Structures are given as C-alpha cells and as structure tokens.
Amino acid sequence: MIAAVGTLEGVDMVLKVLGMVNAVPDFTQHPEVINGCTDLQVQVQVLGKADRPARSAVGVASLPRNIAVEVEAVVLVRGI
C-alpha cells in the first residue's frame, strides 16, 4: 500500500477490516479481538478519518509463522 500511496498520510479513511484470529476451537471472542484494532483506529485516528469501518472477524486454526492475528484493510486513498 505504501508503494501506491507514498505515505500513510494519503489514507483518507479505513472502509473495511477483516481480522483472522489464531485461536483454539473453543475460543469465541474473535470480534472483541478485532474490535481492538478498529477501536485504536477510531480513538487515535491512526489512518485517516475516525469513522468506524465495517469489520469481519474469523477464528482460524493457524496463521503463518504462528502469529496471533492477521488484519486486512480496505482503505480510501486521496488523489488516486
């Protein structure tokens, strides 16, 4: 994304977030984990406007290199 935008300052707002949470089968709080990501974006305005994006959260049995969470975002970029 930075290669296309130049800097993160070009991000106008986050439209959608998809979060994949590395979890055991009986863990059911995936939305709360991903809410932490969007809460940070809204409260600190990390990327653009402070509007709350649409979001999805899913639990997965594993992620690459055993990471805890993987987040994908669709963003609106100014001037592109």
Protein backbone atom coordinates (compact mmCIF):
# COMPACT_ATOMS: atom_id res chain seq x y z
CA MET A 1 0.00 0.00 0.00
CA ILE A 2 2.74 2.49 0.86
CA ALA A 3 4.27 1.99 -2.59
CA ALA A 4 0.99 3.12 -4.19
CA VAL A 5 0.21 5.95 -1.76
CA GLY A 6 3.67 7.28 -0.93
CA THR A 7 2.96 7.67 2.79
CA LEU A 8 0.19 6.63 5.13
CA GLU A 9 -0.84 10.28 5.29
CA GLY A 10 -2.55 9.70 1.92
CA VAL A 11 -5.08 7.38 3.54
CA ASP A 12 -8.41 9.19 3.83
CA MET A 13 -10.26 6.52 5.80
CA VAL A 14 -10.48 2.81 6.51
CA LEU A 15 -13.55 1.29 4.84
CA LYS A 16 -13.37 -2.37 5.88
CA VAL A 17 -11.28 -4.54 8.18
CA LEU A 18 -11.02 -8.33 8.09
CA GLY A 19 -9.30 -9.92 11.05
CA MET A 20 -8.19 -13.53 11.33
CA VAL A 21 -7.50 -14.66 14.88
CA ASN A 22 -5.30 -17.68 15.59
CA ALA A 23 -7.39 -19.48 18.21
CA VAL A 24 -8.23 -22.79 19.83
CA PRO A 25 -11.59 -24.33 18.86
CA ASP A 26 -13.49 -23.21 21.99
CA PHE A 27 -12.42 -19.53 21.76
CA THR A 28 -15.39 -17.42 20.64
CA GLN A 29 -14.31 -13.81 21.22
CA HIS A 30 -12.87 -13.12 17.77
CA PRO A 31 -14.94 -9.93 17.33
CA GLU A 32 -13.57 -8.46 20.56
CA VAL A 33 -10.01 -9.03 19.35
CA ILE A 34 -10.66 -7.26 16.04
CA ASN A 35 -12.64 -4.52 17.78
CA GLY A 36 -9.33 -3.62 19.44
CA CYS A 37 -7.89 -2.87 16.00
CA THR A 38 -10.77 -0.66 14.91
CA ASP A 39 -11.04 0.98 18.35
CA LEU A 40 -7.41 2.07 18.01
CA GLN A 41 -8.06 3.46 14.54
CA VAL A 42 -11.10 5.43 15.75
CA GLN A 43 -9.68 6.72 19.04
CA VAL A 44 -6.20 7.64 17.82
CA GLN A 45 -7.09 8.29 14.16
CA VAL A 46 -4.19 6.12 13.08
CA LEU A 47 -5.37 6.01 9.47
CA GLY A 48 -7.48 8.90 8.24
CA LYS A 49 -10.93 9.89 9.48
CA ALA A 50 -12.22 8.48 12.73
CA ASP A 51 -15.25 6.70 11.24
CA ARG A 52 -15.70 3.11 12.38
CA PRO A 53 -15.14 0.79 9.41
CA ALA A 54 -17.15 -2.29 8.58
CA ARG A 55 -15.39 -5.31 10.03
CA SER A 56 -15.37 -9.07 9.99
CA ALA A 57 -13.65 -11.42 12.40
CA VAL A 58 -12.97 -15.11 11.98
CA GLY A 59 -11.13 -17.69 14.01
CA VAL A 60 -8.59 -19.89 12.29
CA ALA A 61 -6.65 -22.97 13.36
CA SER A 62 -3.30 -21.48 12.37
CA LEU A 63 -1.66 -18.47 10.77
CA PRO A 64 1.75 -18.13 9.08
CA ARG A 65 4.69 -18.25 11.49
CA ASN A 66 2.18 -18.84 14.31
CA ILE A 67 1.24 -15.14 14.50
CA ALA A 68 -1.73 -14.28 16.73
CA VAL A 69 -3.73 -12.02 14.40
CA GLU A 70 -3.68 -11.09 10.74
CA VAL A 71 -5.54 -7.94 9.65
CA GLU A 72 -6.51 -6.96 6.13
CA ALA A 73 -7.89 -3.48 5.44
CA VAL A 74 -9.61 -1.78 2.53
CA VAL A 75 -8.77 1.93 2.60
CA LEU A 76 -9.84 5.03 0.71
CA VAL A 77 -6.81 6.93 -0.60
CA ARG A 78 -6.81 10.60 -1.57
CA GLY A 79 -5.75 11.52 -5.09
CA ILE A 80 -5.56 8.06 -6.61
